[in-house]
Amino acid sequence: MTAAALLLAGLLAATPPAPAQVQVGVPGCADDVAVRASREAISFESRGRTIRAYHYVPRGVPNGAGLVMLHGGTGFEMNAILFDAHAIQLASRGYHVILPAYFDAARPDARRRTVTARAWRQAALDAVAELARRSDAAPGRIALWGYSRGAAVAAHAATAPGSGARSAILAAGGGSVEESVAGRDLSVLLLHARRDEAVPARATLGLAEDLRDAGAAVEVQALDFDGHQYDLPT
């Protein structure tokens, strides 16, 4: 496929389709399944703000589980293009998936890091509740998945007091957590490249240790890749 065709496919994937159509992003994996999912643009409320989102719905029988995908620092518009093919694949396998524009809760602001982080965390938790409302997935069967900055948001949401999350997947993420999850059944998978110019592997490993100390079950997987922006197969 030419570079122009790849770009066109990505741009089409970023545009919400008509109800009778599904635009599919660029395939990412050799074992991709036939598309049996639809995507719709939705919104929900978080702390009085409207959060835009895409909801990916299985066309076949849902498997009773869901996934909240949290974008990286480049924002919803850019990452929606990158994540679209993978969200379609997850929904085609029976998962309900929601991709929220959590920056709608608060724009990045270095002067108000704590307030901003709390707004993003709440937007992620409200996305879980919204997905549970729109699907047959119980909150305890909805995983939080985050990439880069979204990984930190997922970690904070999964460990938040009162969070019903039981699993999280953190890709290319760092930072720390302060809340204890002792007595909770929380499992976390962390993924990191061999070398990452934006979030070094040591930052991911440090977050893993924080999560273990907090009482979570933690697994770390090193990817056969160098860089922060993973290629499609990775």
C-alpha atoms as a PDB file:
ATOM      1  CA  MET A   1       0.000   0.000   0.000  1.00  0.00           C
ATOM      2  CA  THR A   2       1.369   3.428  -0.895  1.00  0.00           C
ATOM      3  CA  ALA A   3       2.005   6.163   1.644  1.00  0.00           C
ATOM      4  CA  ALA A   4      -0.868   8.166   0.148  1.00  0.00           C
ATOM      5  CA  ALA A   5      -3.218   5.214   0.525  1.00  0.00           C
ATOM      6  CA  LEU A   6      -2.147   4.717   4.138  1.00  0.00           C
ATOM      7  CA  LEU A   7      -2.795   8.390   4.879  1.00  0.00           C
ATOM      8  CA  LEU A   8      -6.204   8.234   3.223  1.00  0.00           C
ATOM      9  CA  ALA A   9      -7.142   5.135   5.190  1.00  0.00           C
ATOM     10  CA  GLY A  10      -6.167   6.883   8.414  1.00  0.00           C
ATOM     11  CA  LEU A  11      -8.159  10.007   7.577  1.00  0.00           C
ATOM     12  CA  LEU A  12     -11.216   7.932   6.715  1.00  0.00           C
ATOM     13  CA  ALA A  13     -10.875   6.086  10.018  1.00  0.00           C
ATOM     14  CA  ALA A  14     -11.009   9.406  11.905  1.00  0.00           C
ATOM     15  CA  THR A  15     -14.393  10.330  10.405  1.00  0.00           C
ATOM     16  CA  PRO A  16     -17.482   8.924  12.152  1.00  0.00           C
ATOM     17  CA  PRO A  17     -19.278   6.747   9.576  1.00  0.00           C
ATOM     18  CA  ALA A  18     -22.930   6.778   8.614  1.00  0.00           C
ATOM     19  CA  PRO A  19     -24.941   4.167  10.537  1.00  0.00           C
ATOM     20  CA  ALA A  20     -24.974   1.765   7.566  1.00  0.00           C
ATOM     21  CA  GLN A  21     -21.228   2.000   6.893  1.00  0.00           C
ATOM     22  CA  VAL A  22     -18.027   1.147   8.689  1.00  0.00           C
ATOM     23  CA  GLN A  23     -14.725   2.688   7.706  1.00  0.00           C
ATOM     24  CA  VAL A  24     -11.897   0.414   8.765  1.00  0.00           C
ATOM     25  CA  GLY A  25      -8.441   1.621   9.744  1.00  0.00           C
ATOM     26  CA  VAL A  26      -5.203   0.120   8.491  1.00  0.00           C
ATOM     27  CA  PRO A  27      -4.867  -3.536   9.601  1.00  0.00           C
ATOM     28  CA  GLY A  28      -2.297  -4.028  12.324  1.00  0.00           C
ATOM     29  CA  CYS A  29      -1.908  -7.761  12.932  1.00  0.00           C
ATOM     30  CA  ALA A  30      -1.527 -10.877  10.809  1.00  0.00           C
ATOM     31  CA  ASP A  31      -4.392 -12.554  12.679  1.00  0.00           C
ATOM     32  CA  ASP A  32      -6.951  -9.754  12.201  1.00  0.00           C
ATOM     33  CA  VAL A  33     -10.477 -11.145  11.957  1.00  0.00           C
ATOM     34  CA  ALA A  34     -13.251 -10.144   9.601  1.00  0.00           C
ATOM     35  CA  VAL A  35     -14.874  -6.881  10.658  1.00  0.00           C
ATOM     36  CA  ARG A  36     -18.049  -7.460  12.656  1.00  0.00           C
ATOM     37  CA  ALA A  37     -18.346  -4.145  14.499  1.00  0.00           C
ATOM     38  CA  SER A  38     -19.620  -0.611  14.143  1.00  0.00           C
ATOM     39  CA  ARG A  39     -18.397   2.713  15.450  1.00  0.00           C
ATOM     40  CA  GLU A  40     -20.495   5.638  16.614  1.00  0.00           C
ATOM     41  CA  ALA A  41     -19.647   9.091  17.918  1.00  0.00           C
ATOM     42  CA  ILE A  42     -21.131   9.615  21.391  1.00  0.00           C
ATOM     43  CA  SER A  43     -20.668  11.900  24.384  1.00  0.00           C
ATOM     44  CA  PHE A  44     -21.084  11.663  28.145  1.00  0.00           C
ATOM     45  CA  GLU A  45     -20.772  13.947  31.142  1.00  0.00           C
ATOM     46  CA  SER A  46     -17.882  14.148  33.615  1.00  0.00           C
ATOM     47  CA  ARG A  47     -17.862  16.730  36.384  1.00  0.00           C
ATOM     48  CA  GLY A  48     -20.207  18.946  34.393  1.00  0.00           C
ATOM     49  CA  ARG A  49     -18.183  18.766  31.172  1.00  0.00           C
ATOM     50  CA  THR A  50     -19.135  17.038  27.943  1.00  0.00           C
ATOM     51  CA  ILE A  51     -16.637  14.346  26.913  1.00  0.00           C
ATOM     52  CA  ARG A  52     -16.600  13.285  23.274  1.00  0.00           C
ATOM     53  CA  ALA A  53     -15.973   9.612  22.555  1.00  0.00           C
ATOM     54  CA  TYR A  54     -16.177   6.809  20.033  1.00  0.00           C
ATOM     55  CA  HIS A  55     -18.104   3.697  21.000  1.00  0.00           C
ATOM     56  CA  TYR A  56     -17.226   0.476  19.147  1.00  0.00           C
ATOM     57  CA  VAL A  57     -20.044  -2.064  19.201  1.00  0.00           C
ATOM     58  CA  PRO A  58     -19.854  -5.788  18.324  1.00  0.00           C
ATOM     59  CA  ARG A  59     -22.197  -6.848  15.531  1.00  0.00           C
ATOM     60  CA  GLY A  60     -22.114 -10.432  16.762  1.00  0.00           C
ATOM     61  CA  VAL A  61     -22.678 -11.769  20.253  1.00  0.00           C
ATOM     62  CA  PRO A  62     -20.925  -9.576  22.873  1.00  0.00           C
ATOM     63  CA  ASN A  63     -18.565 -11.414  25.222  1.00  0.00           C
ATOM     64  CA  GLY A  64     -19.654  -9.460  28.299  1.00  0.00           C
ATOM     65  CA  ALA A  65     -16.379  -7.532  28.630  1.00  0.00           C
ATOM     66  CA  GLY A  66     -15.288  -4.037  27.680  1.00  0.00           C
ATOM     67  CA  LEU A  67     -12.283  -1.796  27.278  1.00  0.00           C
ATOM     68  CA  VAL A  68     -11.707   1.922  27.876  1.00  0.00           C
ATOM     69  CA  MET A  69      -8.875   3.083  25.588  1.00  0.00           C
ATOM     70  CA  LEU A  70      -7.080   6.224  26.810  1.00  0.00           C
ATOM     71  CA  HIS A  71      -5.131   8.221  24.241  1.00  0.00           C
ATOM     72  CA  GLY A  72      -1.614   9.599  24.543  1.00  0.00           C
ATOM     73  CA  GLY A  73      -0.364  13.150  24.829  1.00  0.00           C
ATOM     74  CA  THR A  74      -1.028  14.053  21.179  1.00  0.00           C
ATOM     75  CA  GLY A  75      -4.731  13.968  21.975  1.00  0.00           C
ATOM     76  CA  PHE A  76      -7.962  12.362  20.880  1.00  0.00           C
ATOM     77  CA  GLU A  77      -8.005  13.539  17.275  1.00  0.00           C
ATOM     78  CA  MET A  78      -4.576  12.143  16.421  1.00  0.00           C
ATOM     79  CA  ASN A  79      -4.771   8.951  18.468  1.00  0.00           C
ATOM     80  CA  ALA A  80      -8.289   8.103  17.286  1.00  0.00           C
ATOM     81  CA  ILE A  81      -6.741   7.560  13.848  1.00  0.00           C
ATOM     82  CA  LEU A  82      -4.040   5.284  15.263  1.00  0.00           C
ATOM     83  CA  PHE A  83      -6.295   3.275  17.584  1.00  0.00           C
ATOM     84  CA  ASP A  84      -9.263   2.859  15.251  1.00  0.00           C
ATOM     85  CA  ALA A  85      -8.189  -0.381  13.533  1.00  0.00           C
ATOM     86  CA  HIS A  86      -7.380  -2.010  16.868  1.00  0.00           C
ATOM     87  CA  ALA A  87     -10.651  -0.919  18.504  1.00  0.00           C
ATOM     88  CA  ILE A  88     -12.519  -2.316  15.484  1.00  0.00           C
ATOM     89  CA  GLN A  89     -10.678  -5.615  15.906  1.00  0.00           C
ATOM     90  CA  LEU A  90     -11.486  -5.799  19.623  1.00  0.00           C
ATOM     91  CA  ALA A  91     -15.159  -5.081  18.961  1.00  0.00           C
ATOM     92  CA  SER A  92     -15.165  -7.683  16.171  1.00  0.00           C
ATOM     93  CA  ARG A  93     -14.053 -10.190  18.810  1.00  0.00           C
ATOM     94  CA  GLY A  94     -16.986  -9.313  21.063  1.00  0.00           C
ATOM     95  CA  TYR A  95     -15.657  -6.493  23.270  1.00  0.00           C
ATOM     96  CA  HIS A  96     -17.440  -3.198  23.726  1.00  0.00           C
ATOM     97  CA  VAL A  97     -14.817  -0.442  23.429  1.00  0.00           C
ATOM     98  CA  ILE A  98     -14.959   3.263  24.261  1.00  0.00           C
ATOM     99  CA  LEU A  99     -12.296   5.800  23.286  1.00  0.00           C
ATOM    100  CA  PRO A 100     -12.954   8.995  25.283  1.00  0.00           C
ATOM    101  CA  ALA A 101     -11.476  12.430  24.583  1.00  0.00           C
ATOM    102  CA  TYR A 102     -10.455  12.858  28.204  1.00  0.00           C
ATOM    103  CA  PHE A 103      -8.669  16.154  27.462  1.00  0.00           C
ATOM    104  CA  ASP A 104     -12.227  17.540  27.203  1.00  0.00           C
ATOM    105  CA  ALA A 105     -12.330  17.281  31.011  1.00  0.00           C
ATOM    106  CA  ALA A 106      -9.308  19.613  31.336  1.00  0.00           C
ATOM    107  CA  ARG A 107      -6.735  20.790  28.855  1.00  0.00           C
ATOM    108  CA  PRO A 108      -3.095  19.936  29.697  1.00  0.00           C
ATOM    109  CA  ASP A 109      -1.812  22.621  32.074  1.00  0.00           C
ATOM    110  CA  ALA A 110       1.639  22.399  33.660  1.00  0.00           C
ATOM    111  CA  ARG A 111       0.589  24.967  36.296  1.00  0.00           C
ATOM    112  CA  ARG A 112      -2.306  22.792  37.551  1.00  0.00           C
ATOM    113  CA  ARG A 113      -0.974  19.256  37.215  1.00  0.00           C
ATOM    114  CA  THR A 114      -2.811  17.782  40.201  1.00  0.00           C
ATOM    115  CA  VAL A 115      -6.190  19.305  39.332  1.00  0.00           C
ATOM    116  CA  THR A 116      -5.791  18.254  35.696  1.00  0.00           C
ATOM    117  CA  ALA A 117      -4.786  14.692  36.632  1.00  0.00           C
ATOM    118  CA  ARG A 118      -7.861  14.347  38.855  1.00  0.00           C
ATOM    119  CA  ALA A 119     -10.133  15.574  36.059  1.00  0.00           C
ATOM    120  CA  TRP A 120      -8.638  13.053  33.624  1.00  0.00           C
ATOM    121  CA  ARG A 121      -8.921  10.256  36.184  1.00  0.00           C
ATOM    122  CA  GLN A 122     -12.587  11.034  36.746  1.00  0.00           C
ATOM    123  CA  ALA A 123     -13.227  11.180  32.996  1.00  0.00           C
ATOM    124  CA  ALA A 124     -11.733   7.685  32.680  1.00  0.00           C
ATOM    125  CA  LEU A 125     -13.907   6.368  35.518  1.00  0.00           C
ATOM    126  CA  ASP A 126     -16.986   8.012  34.009  1.00  0.00           C
ATOM    127  CA  ALA A 127     -16.099   6.361  30.679  1.00  0.00           C
ATOM    128  CA  VAL A 128     -16.213   2.992  32.455  1.00  0.00           C
ATOM    129  CA  ALA A 129     -19.668   3.816  33.811  1.00  0.00           C
ATOM    130  CA  GLU A 130     -20.840   5.013  30.399  1.00  0.00           C
ATOM    131  CA  LEU A 131     -19.625   1.855  28.696  1.00  0.00           C
ATOM    132  CA  ALA A 132     -21.344  -0.293  31.324  1.00  0.00           C
ATOM    133  CA  ARG A 133     -24.562   1.658  30.724  1.00  0.00           C
ATOM    134  CA  ARG A 134     -24.369   1.147  26.957  1.00  0.00           C
ATOM    135  CA  SER A 135     -23.427  -2.525  27.020  1.00  0.00           C
ATOM    136  CA  ASP A 136     -23.899  -5.761  28.927  1.00  0.00           C
ATOM    137  CA  ALA A 137     -20.437  -5.460  30.510  1.00  0.00           C
ATOM    138  CA  ALA A 138     -20.311  -5.112  34.299  1.00  0.00           C
ATOM    139  CA  PRO A 139     -17.854  -2.439  35.537  1.00  0.00           C
ATOM    140  CA  GLY A 140     -15.636  -5.182  36.978  1.00  0.00           C
ATOM    141  CA  ARG A 141     -15.262  -6.660  33.486  1.00  0.00           C
ATOM    142  CA  ILE A 142     -14.205  -3.389  31.848  1.00  0.00           C
ATOM    143  CA  ALA A 143     -10.436  -2.970  31.601  1.00  0.00           C
ATOM    144  CA  LEU A 144      -8.582   0.317  31.422  1.00  0.00           C
ATOM    145  CA  TRP A 145      -6.037   0.520  28.588  1.00  0.00           C
ATOM    146  CA  GLY A 146      -3.717   3.490  28.231  1.00  0.00           C
ATOM    147  CA  TYR A 147      -0.842   4.516  25.993  1.00  0.00           C
ATOM    148  CA  SER A 148       1.863   6.998  27.072  1.00  0.00           C
ATOM    149  CA  ARG A 149       0.082   9.772  28.978  1.00  0.00           C
ATOM    150  CA  GLY A 150      -3.058   7.660  28.851  1.00  0.00           C
ATOM    151  CA  ALA A 151      -1.185   4.897  30.687  1.00  0.00           C
ATOM    152  CA  ALA A 152      -0.681   7.209  33.671  1.00  0.00           C
ATOM    153  CA  VAL A 153      -4.375   8.142  33.561  1.00  0.00           C
ATOM    154  CA  ALA A 154      -5.321   4.445  33.452  1.00  0.00           C
ATOM    155  CA  ALA A 155      -3.045   3.681  36.418  1.00  0.00           C
ATOM    156  CA  HIS A 156      -4.550   6.508  38.477  1.00  0.00           C
ATOM    157  CA  ALA A 157      -8.109   5.477  37.559  1.00  0.00           C
ATOM    158  CA  ALA A 158      -7.515   1.797  38.308  1.00  0.00           C
ATOM    159  CA  THR A 159      -6.081   2.581  41.751  1.00  0.00           C
ATOM    160  CA  ALA A 160      -8.522   5.355  42.658  1.00  0.00           C
ATOM    161  CA  PRO A 161     -10.522   4.896  45.877  1.00  0.00           C
ATOM    162  CA  GLY A 162     -13.812   3.261  45.009  1.00  0.00           C
ATOM    163  CA  SER A 163     -12.682   2.215  41.538  1.00  0.00           C
ATOM    164  CA  GLY A 164     -14.217  -1.071  40.477  1.00  0.00           C
ATOM    165  CA  ALA A 165     -11.484  -1.764  37.920  1.00  0.00           C
ATOM    166  CA  ARG A 166      -9.971  -5.225  38.134  1.00  0.00           C
ATOM    167  CA  SER A 167      -7.523  -4.972  35.244  1.00  0.00           C
ATOM    168  CA  ALA A 168      -5.442  -2.407  33.389  1.00  0.00           C
ATOM    169  CA  ILE A 169      -3.037  -2.482  30.453  1.00  0.00           C
ATOM    170  CA  LEU A 170      -0.381   0.248  30.408  1.00  0.00           C
ATOM    171  CA  ALA A 171       1.685   0.747  27.253  1.00  0.00           C
ATOM    172  CA  ALA A 172       4.742   3.040  27.201  1.00  0.00           C
ATOM    173  CA  GLY A 173       3.750   4.598  30.507  1.00  0.00           C
ATOM    174  CA  GLY A 174       5.569   5.881  33.564  1.00  0.00           C
ATOM    175  CA  GLY A 175       4.842   7.915  36.656  1.00  0.00           C
ATOM    176  CA  SER A 176       3.747   6.728  40.068  1.00  0.00           C
ATOM    177  CA  VAL A 177       0.679   5.783  42.097  1.00  0.00           C
ATOM    178  CA  GLU A 178      -0.038   6.610  45.713  1.00  0.00           C
ATOM    179  CA  GLU A 179      -3.302   4.808  46.520  1.00  0.00           C
ATOM    180  CA  SER A 180      -3.267   1.360  48.112  1.00  0.00           C
ATOM    181  CA  VAL A 181      -5.254  -1.404  46.413  1.00  0.00           C
ATOM    182  CA  ALA A 182      -4.581  -3.966  49.151  1.00  0.00           C
ATOM    183  CA  GLY A 183      -7.490  -6.391  49.371  1.00  0.00           C
ATOM    184  CA  ARG A 184      -8.640  -5.581  45.847  1.00  0.00           C
ATOM    185  CA  ASP A 185      -8.324  -7.980  42.922  1.00  0.00           C
ATOM    186  CA  LEU A 186      -6.398  -5.687  40.548  1.00  0.00           C
ATOM    187  CA  SER A 187      -4.108  -7.066  37.835  1.00  0.00           C
ATOM    188  CA  VAL A 188      -1.940  -4.810  35.685  1.00  0.00           C
ATOM    189  CA  LEU A 189       0.051  -5.557  32.534  1.00  0.00           C
ATOM    190  CA  LEU A 190       2.793  -3.070  31.609  1.00  0.00           C
ATOM    191  CA  LEU A 191       4.369  -3.007  28.143  1.00  0.00           C
ATOM    192  CA  HIS A 192       7.557  -1.193  27.185  1.00  0.00           C
ATOM    193  CA  ALA A 193       9.916  -1.017  24.227  1.00  0.00           C
ATOM    194  CA  ARG A 194      13.568  -1.974  24.533  1.00  0.00           C
ATOM    195  CA  ARG A 195      14.457   1.693  24.119  1.00  0.00           C
ATOM    196  CA  ASP A 196      11.943   4.517  24.329  1.00  0.00           C
ATOM    197  CA  GLU A 197      13.077   8.098  23.808  1.00  0.00           C
ATOM    198  CA  ALA A 198       9.977   9.600  25.474  1.00  0.00           C
ATOM    199  CA  VAL A 199       9.254   7.205  28.359  1.00  0.00           C
ATOM    200  CA  PRO A 200      12.381   5.176  29.240  1.00  0.00           C
ATOM    201  CA  ALA A 201      11.925   1.544  30.217  1.00  0.00           C
ATOM    202  CA  ARG A 202      13.134   2.408  33.731  1.00  0.00           C
ATOM    203  CA  ALA A 203      10.091   4.688  34.135  1.00  0.00           C
ATOM    204  CA  THR A 204       7.753   1.819  33.266  1.00  0.00           C
ATOM    205  CA  LEU A 205       9.628  -0.495  35.629  1.00  0.00           C
ATOM    206  CA  GLY A 206       9.371   2.132  38.382  1.00  0.00           C
ATOM    207  CA  LEU A 207       5.609   2.330  37.884  1.00  0.00           C
ATOM    208  CA  ALA A 208       5.451  -1.474  38.040  1.00  0.00           C
ATOM    209  CA  GLU A 209       7.192  -1.422  41.424  1.00  0.00           C
ATOM    210  CA  ASP A 210       4.808   1.258  42.702  1.00  0.00           C
ATOM    211  CA  LEU A 211       1.841  -0.847  41.649  1.00  0.00           C
ATOM    212  CA  ARG A 212       3.272  -3.956  43.317  1.00  0.00           C
ATOM    213  CA  ASP A 213       3.878  -1.982  46.519  1.00  0.00           C
ATOM    214  CA  ALA A 214       0.261  -0.763  46.327  1.00  0.00           C
ATOM    215  CA  GLY A 215      -0.954  -4.373  46.289  1.00  0.00           C
ATOM    216  CA  ALA A 216      -1.667  -5.022  42.608  1.00  0.00           C
ATOM    217  CA  ALA A 217      -0.688  -8.167  40.720  1.00  0.00           C
ATOM    218  CA  VAL A 218       1.763  -6.937  38.083  1.00  0.00           C
ATOM    219  CA  GLU A 219       3.224  -8.389  34.903  1.00  0.00           C
ATOM    220  CA  VAL A 220       5.790  -6.566  32.731  1.00  0.00           C
ATOM    221  CA  GLN A 221       6.420  -7.427  29.094  1.00  0.00           C
ATOM    222  CA  ALA A 222       9.289  -6.026  27.008  1.00  0.00           C
ATOM    223  CA  LEU A 223       8.392  -5.528  23.354  1.00  0.00           C
ATOM    224  CA  ASP A 224      10.685  -6.325  20.437  1.00  0.00           C
ATOM    225  CA  PHE A 225      10.711  -2.700  19.319  1.00  0.00           C
ATOM    226  CA  ASP A 226      12.727   0.493  19.719  1.00  0.00           C
ATOM    227  CA  GLY A 227      10.888   3.788  20.043  1.00  0.00           C
ATOM    228  CA  HIS A 228       7.854   5.403  21.633  1.00  0.00           C
ATOM    229  CA  GLN A 229       5.388   5.381  18.744  1.00  0.00           C
ATOM    230  CA  TYR A 230       4.884   1.667  18.121  1.00  0.00           C
ATOM    231  CA  ASP A 231       4.465   0.412  14.574  1.00  0.00           C
ATOM    232  CA  LEU A 232       1.159  -1.266  13.730  1.00  0.00           C
ATOM    233  CA  PRO A 233       2.183  -4.922  14.330  1.00  0.00           C
ATOM    234  CA  THR A 234       3.724  -4.003  17.706  1.00  0.00           C
END
